[in-house]
């Protein structure tokens, strides 16, 4: 434990796998007690909790559908009640629905916006009620908000672009309370949805300046910095962890 977040409590939505799991593990390594939400895979979420506990940390997994605003608020309130406080919210849970414009349905639109836009707003609103000075809200976006290089990303790109405005507006509104709000935009990251050895990996690597995918831990490192003391004077900002994809 590095203890830079000792005594803090963090909530990571969608923390059972991929980037979310890496963020949960990193914040715990920095000393925070961590709650993570998951929707379906309880086995993997519980494994993240066990990994944190094995390293001497405290963690709990909470099943919640981020598309359900009532359940999401209840989860935020539950975490704050069980841990006695809430200092850090990482809005990581996301819907990744792709397809040609003419084939995308209104149901897919509603699902994408519910998870990628409404849920961060709702969770931030609920979390802000519990946060004291020094609180942190960190949204996880995507490089697709700044550069759409492949067709079929209309829903995903629009939803992640909305987080730029949300981040800036909340940063302004919560600033007087010494609560910072920032956005981390990952680029190609080696996860199940986009593996570094996938069929399109060579093409995707070619769009980056560094020529390779990120590891989830690379994104988690940026989140941990913003969550810690080093991020106290950064708010309303977008941090691209994309290997130069958007330059």
C-alpha atoms as a PDB file:
ATOM      1  CA  UNK A   1       0.000   0.000   0.000  1.00  0.00           C
ATOM      2  CA  UNK A   2       1.346   3.413  -0.977  1.00  0.00           C
ATOM      3  CA  UNK A   3      -1.215   5.224   1.215  1.00  0.00           C
ATOM      4  CA  UNK A   4      -1.483   8.460  -0.772  1.00  0.00           C
ATOM      5  CA  UNK A   5      -5.265   7.986  -0.505  1.00  0.00           C
ATOM      6  CA  UNK A   6      -5.231   6.651   3.034  1.00  0.00           C
ATOM      7  CA  UNK A   7      -8.575   7.223   4.737  1.00  0.00           C
ATOM      8  CA  UNK A   8     -10.404   7.968   1.488  1.00  0.00           C
ATOM      9  CA  UNK A   9     -13.378   6.061   0.107  1.00  0.00           C
ATOM     10  CA  UNK A  10     -13.776   5.527  -3.634  1.00  0.00           C
ATOM     11  CA  UNK A  11     -16.652   4.243  -5.737  1.00  0.00           C
ATOM     12  CA  UNK A  12     -15.824   2.858  -9.190  1.00  0.00           C
ATOM     13  CA  UNK A  13     -18.771   2.052 -11.440  1.00  0.00           C
ATOM     14  CA  UNK A  14     -18.228  -0.897 -13.737  1.00  0.00           C
ATOM     15  CA  UNK A  15     -15.265  -1.940 -11.621  1.00  0.00           C
ATOM     16  CA  UNK A  16     -15.479  -5.673 -12.149  1.00  0.00           C
ATOM     17  CA  UNK A  17     -13.339  -5.930 -15.259  1.00  0.00           C
ATOM     18  CA  UNK A  18     -11.077  -4.132 -17.696  1.00  0.00           C
ATOM     19  CA  UNK A  19     -10.240  -0.504 -17.004  1.00  0.00           C
ATOM     20  CA  UNK A  20     -12.665  -0.332 -14.081  1.00  0.00           C
ATOM     21  CA  UNK A  21     -11.010  -3.252 -12.313  1.00  0.00           C
ATOM     22  CA  UNK A  22      -7.570  -1.731 -12.868  1.00  0.00           C
ATOM     23  CA  UNK A  23      -8.782   1.573 -11.423  1.00  0.00           C
ATOM     24  CA  UNK A  24     -10.290  -0.139  -8.372  1.00  0.00           C
ATOM     25  CA  UNK A  25      -7.061  -2.049  -7.740  1.00  0.00           C
ATOM     26  CA  UNK A  26      -4.884   1.042  -8.166  1.00  0.00           C
ATOM     27  CA  UNK A  27      -6.971   3.225  -5.855  1.00  0.00           C
ATOM     28  CA  UNK A  28      -6.878   0.467  -3.257  1.00  0.00           C
ATOM     29  CA  UNK A  29      -3.112   0.225  -3.657  1.00  0.00           C
ATOM     30  CA  UNK A  30      -2.955   3.945  -2.925  1.00  0.00           C
ATOM     31  CA  UNK A  31      -4.786   3.329   0.344  1.00  0.00           C
ATOM     32  CA  UNK A  32      -8.446   4.004  -0.477  1.00  0.00           C
ATOM     33  CA  UNK A  33     -11.294   1.781   0.604  1.00  0.00           C
ATOM     34  CA  UNK A  34     -13.057   0.853  -2.636  1.00  0.00           C
ATOM     35  CA  UNK A  35     -16.599   0.007  -3.622  1.00  0.00           C
ATOM     36  CA  UNK A  36     -17.150  -1.197  -7.170  1.00  0.00           C
ATOM     37  CA  UNK A  37     -20.335  -1.768  -9.076  1.00  0.00           C
ATOM     38  CA  UNK A  38     -21.065  -4.555 -11.522  1.00  0.00           C
ATOM     39  CA  UNK A  39     -24.144  -5.601 -13.452  1.00  0.00           C
ATOM     40  CA  UNK A  40     -23.768  -9.266 -14.402  1.00  0.00           C
ATOM     41  CA  UNK A  41     -20.450 -10.965 -13.657  1.00  0.00           C
ATOM     42  CA  UNK A  42     -20.443 -11.374  -9.900  1.00  0.00           C
ATOM     43  CA  UNK A  43     -17.581 -13.877 -10.028  1.00  0.00           C
ATOM     44  CA  UNK A  44     -15.176 -11.389 -11.594  1.00  0.00           C
ATOM     45  CA  UNK A  45     -16.287  -8.534  -9.365  1.00  0.00           C
ATOM     46  CA  UNK A  46     -15.755 -10.693  -6.299  1.00  0.00           C
ATOM     47  CA  UNK A  47     -12.286 -11.580  -7.571  1.00  0.00           C
ATOM     48  CA  UNK A  48     -11.347  -7.894  -7.672  1.00  0.00           C
ATOM     49  CA  UNK A  49     -12.594  -7.577  -4.092  1.00  0.00           C
ATOM     50  CA  UNK A  50     -10.513 -10.594  -3.052  1.00  0.00           C
ATOM     51  CA  UNK A  51      -7.424  -9.221  -4.779  1.00  0.00           C
ATOM     52  CA  UNK A  52      -7.797  -5.947  -2.899  1.00  0.00           C
ATOM     53  CA  UNK A  53      -8.329  -7.756   0.393  1.00  0.00           C
ATOM     54  CA  UNK A  54      -5.296  -9.982  -0.233  1.00  0.00           C
ATOM     55  CA  UNK A  55      -3.175  -6.835  -0.574  1.00  0.00           C
ATOM     56  CA  UNK A  56      -4.450  -5.545   2.766  1.00  0.00           C
ATOM     57  CA  UNK A  57      -7.196  -3.265   1.469  1.00  0.00           C
ATOM     58  CA  UNK A  58     -10.917  -3.003   2.003  1.00  0.00           C
ATOM     59  CA  UNK A  59     -13.409  -3.429  -0.823  1.00  0.00           C
ATOM     60  CA  UNK A  60     -16.997  -4.351  -1.571  1.00  0.00           C
ATOM     61  CA  UNK A  61     -18.848  -5.156  -4.790  1.00  0.00           C
ATOM     62  CA  UNK A  62     -22.369  -3.860  -5.385  1.00  0.00           C
ATOM     63  CA  UNK A  63     -24.636  -5.187  -8.127  1.00  0.00           C
ATOM     64  CA  UNK A  64     -26.391  -2.349  -9.940  1.00  0.00           C
ATOM     65  CA  UNK A  65     -27.581  -1.569 -13.450  1.00  0.00           C
ATOM     66  CA  UNK A  66     -26.195   1.881 -14.281  1.00  0.00           C
ATOM     67  CA  UNK A  67     -29.115   2.402 -16.662  1.00  0.00           C
ATOM     68  CA  UNK A  68     -31.453   2.387 -13.636  1.00  0.00           C
ATOM     69  CA  UNK A  69     -31.138   5.828 -12.024  1.00  0.00           C
ATOM     70  CA  UNK A  70     -33.011   4.870  -8.852  1.00  0.00           C
ATOM     71  CA  UNK A  71     -30.795   1.843  -8.270  1.00  0.00           C
ATOM     72  CA  UNK A  72     -27.682   3.861  -9.030  1.00  0.00           C
ATOM     73  CA  UNK A  73     -28.514   6.566  -6.496  1.00  0.00           C
ATOM     74  CA  UNK A  74     -29.303   3.872  -3.930  1.00  0.00           C
ATOM     75  CA  UNK A  75     -25.889   2.300  -4.581  1.00  0.00           C
ATOM     76  CA  UNK A  76     -24.087   5.609  -4.069  1.00  0.00           C
ATOM     77  CA  UNK A  77     -25.982   6.269  -0.851  1.00  0.00           C
ATOM     78  CA  UNK A  78     -25.341   2.727   0.356  1.00  0.00           C
ATOM     79  CA  UNK A  79     -21.593   3.038  -0.167  1.00  0.00           C
ATOM     80  CA  UNK A  80     -21.460   6.369   1.648  1.00  0.00           C
ATOM     81  CA  UNK A  81     -23.451   4.913   4.551  1.00  0.00           C
ATOM     82  CA  UNK A  82     -21.451   1.685   4.848  1.00  0.00           C
ATOM     83  CA  UNK A  83     -18.047   3.369   4.661  1.00  0.00           C
ATOM     84  CA  UNK A  84     -19.058   6.502   6.515  1.00  0.00           C
ATOM     85  CA  UNK A  85     -18.001   8.867   3.735  1.00  0.00           C
ATOM     86  CA  UNK A  86     -17.415   9.163  -0.014  1.00  0.00           C
ATOM     87  CA  UNK A  87     -14.420  11.005  -1.425  1.00  0.00           C
ATOM     88  CA  UNK A  88     -13.876   9.721  -4.957  1.00  0.00           C
ATOM     89  CA  UNK A  89     -16.319   8.769  -7.698  1.00  0.00           C
ATOM     90  CA  UNK A  90     -15.054   7.200 -10.910  1.00  0.00           C
ATOM     91  CA  UNK A  91     -17.780   7.028 -13.562  1.00  0.00           C
ATOM     92  CA  UNK A  92     -16.431   4.131 -15.594  1.00  0.00           C
ATOM     93  CA  UNK A  93     -19.418   1.914 -16.476  1.00  0.00           C
ATOM     94  CA  UNK A  94     -20.206   2.170 -20.158  1.00  0.00           C
ATOM     95  CA  UNK A  95     -22.259   0.849 -23.063  1.00  0.00           C
ATOM     96  CA  UNK A  96     -20.370   0.113 -26.275  1.00  0.00           C
ATOM     97  CA  UNK A  97     -22.963  -0.243 -29.028  1.00  0.00           C
ATOM     98  CA  UNK A  98     -21.672   0.122 -32.587  1.00  0.00           C
ATOM     99  CA  UNK A  99     -23.258  -0.166 -36.005  1.00  0.00           C
ATOM    100  CA  UNK A 100     -24.121   1.611 -39.249  1.00  0.00           C
ATOM    101  CA  UNK A 101     -26.221   4.734 -38.746  1.00  0.00           C
ATOM    102  CA  UNK A 102     -29.246   3.378 -40.603  1.00  0.00           C
ATOM    103  CA  UNK A 103     -29.235   0.186 -38.505  1.00  0.00           C
ATOM    104  CA  UNK A 104     -29.015   1.724 -35.050  1.00  0.00           C
ATOM    105  CA  UNK A 105     -32.289   1.557 -33.141  1.00  0.00           C
ATOM    106  CA  UNK A 106     -33.866   4.021 -30.759  1.00  0.00           C
ATOM    107  CA  UNK A 107     -33.575   1.372 -28.070  1.00  0.00           C
ATOM    108  CA  UNK A 108     -29.813   1.277 -28.625  1.00  0.00           C
ATOM    109  CA  UNK A 109     -29.719   5.076 -28.513  1.00  0.00           C
ATOM    110  CA  UNK A 110     -31.625   5.115 -25.223  1.00  0.00           C
ATOM    111  CA  UNK A 111     -29.383   2.427 -23.700  1.00  0.00           C
ATOM    112  CA  UNK A 112     -26.197   4.230 -24.730  1.00  0.00           C
ATOM    113  CA  UNK A 113     -27.327   7.580 -23.387  1.00  0.00           C
ATOM    114  CA  UNK A 114     -28.711   6.030 -20.203  1.00  0.00           C
ATOM    115  CA  UNK A 115     -25.420   4.356 -19.310  1.00  0.00           C
ATOM    116  CA  UNK A 116     -22.822   6.701 -20.818  1.00  0.00           C
ATOM    117  CA  UNK A 117     -24.440  10.085 -20.139  1.00  0.00           C
ATOM    118  CA  UNK A 118     -27.313   9.902 -17.676  1.00  0.00           C
ATOM    119  CA  UNK A 119     -25.562   7.535 -15.270  1.00  0.00           C
ATOM    120  CA  UNK A 120     -22.479   9.758 -14.797  1.00  0.00           C
ATOM    121  CA  UNK A 121     -24.785  12.726 -14.208  1.00  0.00           C
ATOM    122  CA  UNK A 122     -26.973  10.835 -11.729  1.00  0.00           C
ATOM    123  CA  UNK A 123     -24.039   9.272  -9.879  1.00  0.00           C
ATOM    124  CA  UNK A 124     -22.213  12.608  -9.695  1.00  0.00           C
ATOM    125  CA  UNK A 125     -25.337  14.319  -8.374  1.00  0.00           C
ATOM    126  CA  UNK A 126     -25.756  11.660  -5.702  1.00  0.00           C
ATOM    127  CA  UNK A 127     -22.062  11.542  -4.793  1.00  0.00           C
ATOM    128  CA  UNK A 128     -21.743  15.322  -4.493  1.00  0.00           C
ATOM    129  CA  UNK A 129     -24.262  15.254  -1.663  1.00  0.00           C
ATOM    130  CA  UNK A 130     -21.822  13.171   0.365  1.00  0.00           C
ATOM    131  CA  UNK A 131     -18.522  14.773  -0.627  1.00  0.00           C
ATOM    132  CA  UNK A 132     -16.604  17.221   1.501  1.00  0.00           C
ATOM    133  CA  UNK A 133     -13.818  19.546   0.364  1.00  0.00           C
ATOM    134  CA  UNK A 134     -11.182  17.580  -1.508  1.00  0.00           C
ATOM    135  CA  UNK A 135     -13.718  15.338  -3.238  1.00  0.00           C
ATOM    136  CA  UNK A 136     -12.950  13.982  -6.681  1.00  0.00           C
ATOM    137  CA  UNK A 137     -15.214  13.051  -9.591  1.00  0.00           C
ATOM    138  CA  UNK A 138     -13.433  11.406 -12.506  1.00  0.00           C
ATOM    139  CA  UNK A 139     -15.294  10.480 -15.671  1.00  0.00           C
ATOM    140  CA  UNK A 140     -13.968   7.838 -18.046  1.00  0.00           C
ATOM    141  CA  UNK A 141     -14.563   8.853 -21.640  1.00  0.00           C
ATOM    142  CA  UNK A 142     -12.952   7.747 -24.886  1.00  0.00           C
ATOM    143  CA  UNK A 143     -10.634   8.963 -27.613  1.00  0.00           C
ATOM    144  CA  UNK A 144     -13.665   8.464 -29.890  1.00  0.00           C
ATOM    145  CA  UNK A 145     -14.972  11.758 -28.497  1.00  0.00           C
ATOM    146  CA  UNK A 146     -12.151  13.604 -30.260  1.00  0.00           C
ATOM    147  CA  UNK A 147     -11.351  11.471 -33.278  1.00  0.00           C
ATOM    148  CA  UNK A 148     -13.737   9.156 -35.116  1.00  0.00           C
ATOM    149  CA  UNK A 149     -11.564   7.138 -37.475  1.00  0.00           C
ATOM    150  CA  UNK A 150     -13.918   4.212 -38.069  1.00  0.00           C
ATOM    151  CA  UNK A 151     -17.561   4.138 -39.205  1.00  0.00           C
ATOM    152  CA  UNK A 152     -20.236   2.847 -36.873  1.00  0.00           C
ATOM    153  CA  UNK A 153     -19.294   4.920 -33.819  1.00  0.00           C
ATOM    154  CA  UNK A 154     -22.114   7.503 -33.982  1.00  0.00           C
ATOM    155  CA  UNK A 155     -23.814   6.521 -30.712  1.00  0.00           C
ATOM    156  CA  UNK A 156     -20.651   5.844 -28.764  1.00  0.00           C
ATOM    157  CA  UNK A 157     -18.871   9.005 -29.905  1.00  0.00           C
ATOM    158  CA  UNK A 158     -21.815  11.293 -29.171  1.00  0.00           C
ATOM    159  CA  UNK A 159     -22.237   9.836 -25.698  1.00  0.00           C
ATOM    160  CA  UNK A 160     -18.577  10.185 -24.783  1.00  0.00           C
ATOM    161  CA  UNK A 161     -18.445  13.702 -26.218  1.00  0.00           C
ATOM    162  CA  UNK A 162     -21.244  14.668 -23.830  1.00  0.00           C
ATOM    163  CA  UNK A 163     -18.900  13.913 -20.932  1.00  0.00           C
ATOM    164  CA  UNK A 164     -16.653  16.807 -21.972  1.00  0.00           C
ATOM    165  CA  UNK A 165     -19.465  19.295 -21.348  1.00  0.00           C
ATOM    166  CA  UNK A 166     -20.578  17.551 -18.169  1.00  0.00           C
ATOM    167  CA  UNK A 167     -17.035  17.573 -16.806  1.00  0.00           C
ATOM    168  CA  UNK A 168     -16.494  21.256 -17.494  1.00  0.00           C
ATOM    169  CA  UNK A 169     -19.871  22.309 -16.094  1.00  0.00           C
ATOM    170  CA  UNK A 170     -19.528  20.250 -12.920  1.00  0.00           C
ATOM    171  CA  UNK A 171     -15.958  21.441 -12.478  1.00  0.00           C
ATOM    172  CA  UNK A 172     -17.207  25.018 -12.484  1.00  0.00           C
ATOM    173  CA  UNK A 173     -20.180  24.309 -10.214  1.00  0.00           C
ATOM    174  CA  UNK A 174     -18.364  22.205  -7.614  1.00  0.00           C
ATOM    175  CA  UNK A 175     -15.145  24.200  -7.609  1.00  0.00           C
ATOM    176  CA  UNK A 176     -16.228  26.500  -4.772  1.00  0.00           C
ATOM    177  CA  UNK A 177     -16.616  23.372  -2.641  1.00  0.00           C
ATOM    178  CA  UNK A 178     -13.045  22.265  -3.492  1.00  0.00           C
ATOM    179  CA  UNK A 179     -14.381  19.250  -5.411  1.00  0.00           C
ATOM    180  CA  UNK A 180     -12.593  18.632  -8.688  1.00  0.00           C
ATOM    181  CA  UNK A 181     -14.162  17.038 -11.758  1.00  0.00           C
ATOM    182  CA  UNK A 182     -12.039  15.697 -14.595  1.00  0.00           C
ATOM    183  CA  UNK A 183     -12.277  13.462 -17.625  1.00  0.00           C
ATOM    184  CA  UNK A 184      -9.870  10.707 -18.641  1.00  0.00           C
ATOM    185  CA  UNK A 185     -10.110   9.656 -22.287  1.00  0.00           C
ATOM    186  CA  UNK A 186      -8.480   6.272 -22.863  1.00  0.00           C
ATOM    187  CA  UNK A 187      -7.269   5.356 -26.313  1.00  0.00           C
ATOM    188  CA  UNK A 188      -6.834   1.772 -27.536  1.00  0.00           C
ATOM    189  CA  UNK A 189      -6.532  -0.280 -24.368  1.00  0.00           C
ATOM    190  CA  UNK A 190      -5.958  -4.010 -24.094  1.00  0.00           C
ATOM    191  CA  UNK A 191      -9.298  -5.285 -22.787  1.00  0.00           C
ATOM    192  CA  UNK A 192     -11.733  -8.016 -23.749  1.00  0.00           C
ATOM    193  CA  UNK A 193     -13.709  -5.601 -25.913  1.00  0.00           C
ATOM    194  CA  UNK A 194     -10.629  -4.430 -27.792  1.00  0.00           C
ATOM    195  CA  UNK A 195      -7.743  -6.877 -27.332  1.00  0.00           C
ATOM    196  CA  UNK A 196      -4.229  -5.845 -28.311  1.00  0.00           C
ATOM    197  CA  UNK A 197      -3.986  -8.980 -30.469  1.00  0.00           C
ATOM    198  CA  UNK A 198      -7.393  -8.500 -32.121  1.00  0.00           C
ATOM    199  CA  UNK A 199      -8.014  -8.472 -35.883  1.00  0.00           C
ATOM    200  CA  UNK A 200      -7.906  -4.661 -36.105  1.00  0.00           C
ATOM    201  CA  UNK A 201      -5.020  -4.117 -33.706  1.00  0.00           C
ATOM    202  CA  UNK A 202      -2.378  -3.431 -36.354  1.00  0.00           C
ATOM    203  CA  UNK A 203      -4.512  -0.713 -37.945  1.00  0.00           C
ATOM    204  CA  UNK A 204      -5.387   0.814 -34.584  1.00  0.00           C
ATOM    205  CA  UNK A 205      -1.751   0.827 -33.501  1.00  0.00           C
ATOM    206  CA  UNK A 206      -0.949   2.780 -36.625  1.00  0.00           C
ATOM    207  CA  UNK A 207      -3.149   5.661 -35.474  1.00  0.00           C
ATOM    208  CA  UNK A 208      -1.161   6.086 -32.263  1.00  0.00           C
ATOM    209  CA  UNK A 209       2.146   7.905 -31.914  1.00  0.00           C
ATOM    210  CA  UNK A 210       3.576   5.214 -29.630  1.00  0.00           C
ATOM    211  CA  UNK A 211       2.551   2.335 -31.865  1.00  0.00           C
ATOM    212  CA  UNK A 212       0.936   0.085 -29.282  1.00  0.00           C
ATOM    213  CA  UNK A 213      -2.066  -0.381 -27.019  1.00  0.00           C
ATOM    214  CA  UNK A 214      -2.239   0.823 -23.428  1.00  0.00           C
ATOM    215  CA  UNK A 215      -2.601  -1.524 -20.505  1.00  0.00           C
ATOM    216  CA  UNK A 216      -5.589  -0.861 -18.221  1.00  0.00           C
ATOM    217  CA  UNK A 217      -3.055   0.043 -15.538  1.00  0.00           C
ATOM    218  CA  UNK A 218      -1.913   2.997 -17.662  1.00  0.00           C
ATOM    219  CA  UNK A 219      -5.397   4.501 -17.490  1.00  0.00           C
ATOM    220  CA  UNK A 220      -5.652   3.666 -13.793  1.00  0.00           C
ATOM    221  CA  UNK A 221      -2.423   5.569 -13.131  1.00  0.00           C
ATOM    222  CA  UNK A 222      -3.916   8.763 -14.583  1.00  0.00           C
ATOM    223  CA  UNK A 223      -7.061   8.306 -12.516  1.00  0.00           C
ATOM    224  CA  UNK A 224      -5.016   7.767  -9.350  1.00  0.00           C
ATOM    225  CA  UNK A 225      -3.053  10.958  -9.987  1.00  0.00           C
ATOM    226  CA  UNK A 226      -6.225  13.019 -10.409  1.00  0.00           C
ATOM    227  CA  UNK A 227      -7.720  11.394  -7.319  1.00  0.00           C
ATOM    228  CA  UNK A 228      -4.704  12.197  -5.177  1.00  0.00           C
ATOM    229  CA  UNK A 229      -3.059  15.323  -3.857  1.00  0.00           C
ATOM    230  CA  UNK A 230      -1.300  15.992  -7.147  1.00  0.00           C
ATOM    231  CA  UNK A 231      -4.659  16.605  -8.807  1.00  0.00           C
ATOM    232  CA  UNK A 232      -5.965  19.153  -6.339  1.00  0.00           C
ATOM    233  CA  UNK A 233      -5.609  22.108  -8.743  1.00  0.00           C
ATOM    234  CA  UNK A 234      -6.815  20.339 -11.873  1.00  0.00           C
ATOM    235  CA  UNK A 235     -10.508  20.558 -12.696  1.00  0.00           C
ATOM    236  CA  UNK A 236     -12.667  20.600 -15.803  1.00  0.00           C
ATOM    237  CA  UNK A 237      -9.764  19.050 -17.699  1.00  0.00           C
ATOM    238  CA  UNK A 238      -9.580  16.258 -20.239  1.00  0.00           C
ATOM    239  CA  UNK A 239      -6.585  13.948 -19.948  1.00  0.00           C
ATOM    240  CA  UNK A 240      -5.945  11.816 -23.023  1.00  0.00           C
ATOM    241  CA  UNK A 241      -4.332   8.482 -22.174  1.00  0.00           C
ATOM    242  CA  UNK A 242      -4.240   7.394 -25.799  1.00  0.00           C
ATOM    243  CA  UNK A 243      -0.644   6.991 -26.887  1.00  0.00           C
ATOM    244  CA  UNK A 244      -0.965  10.019 -29.125  1.00  0.00           C
ATOM    245  CA  UNK A 245      -4.066   8.783 -30.945  1.00  0.00           C
ATOM    246  CA  UNK A 246      -5.600  12.248 -30.970  1.00  0.00           C
ATOM    247  CA  UNK A 247      -2.538  14.344 -31.855  1.00  0.00           C
END
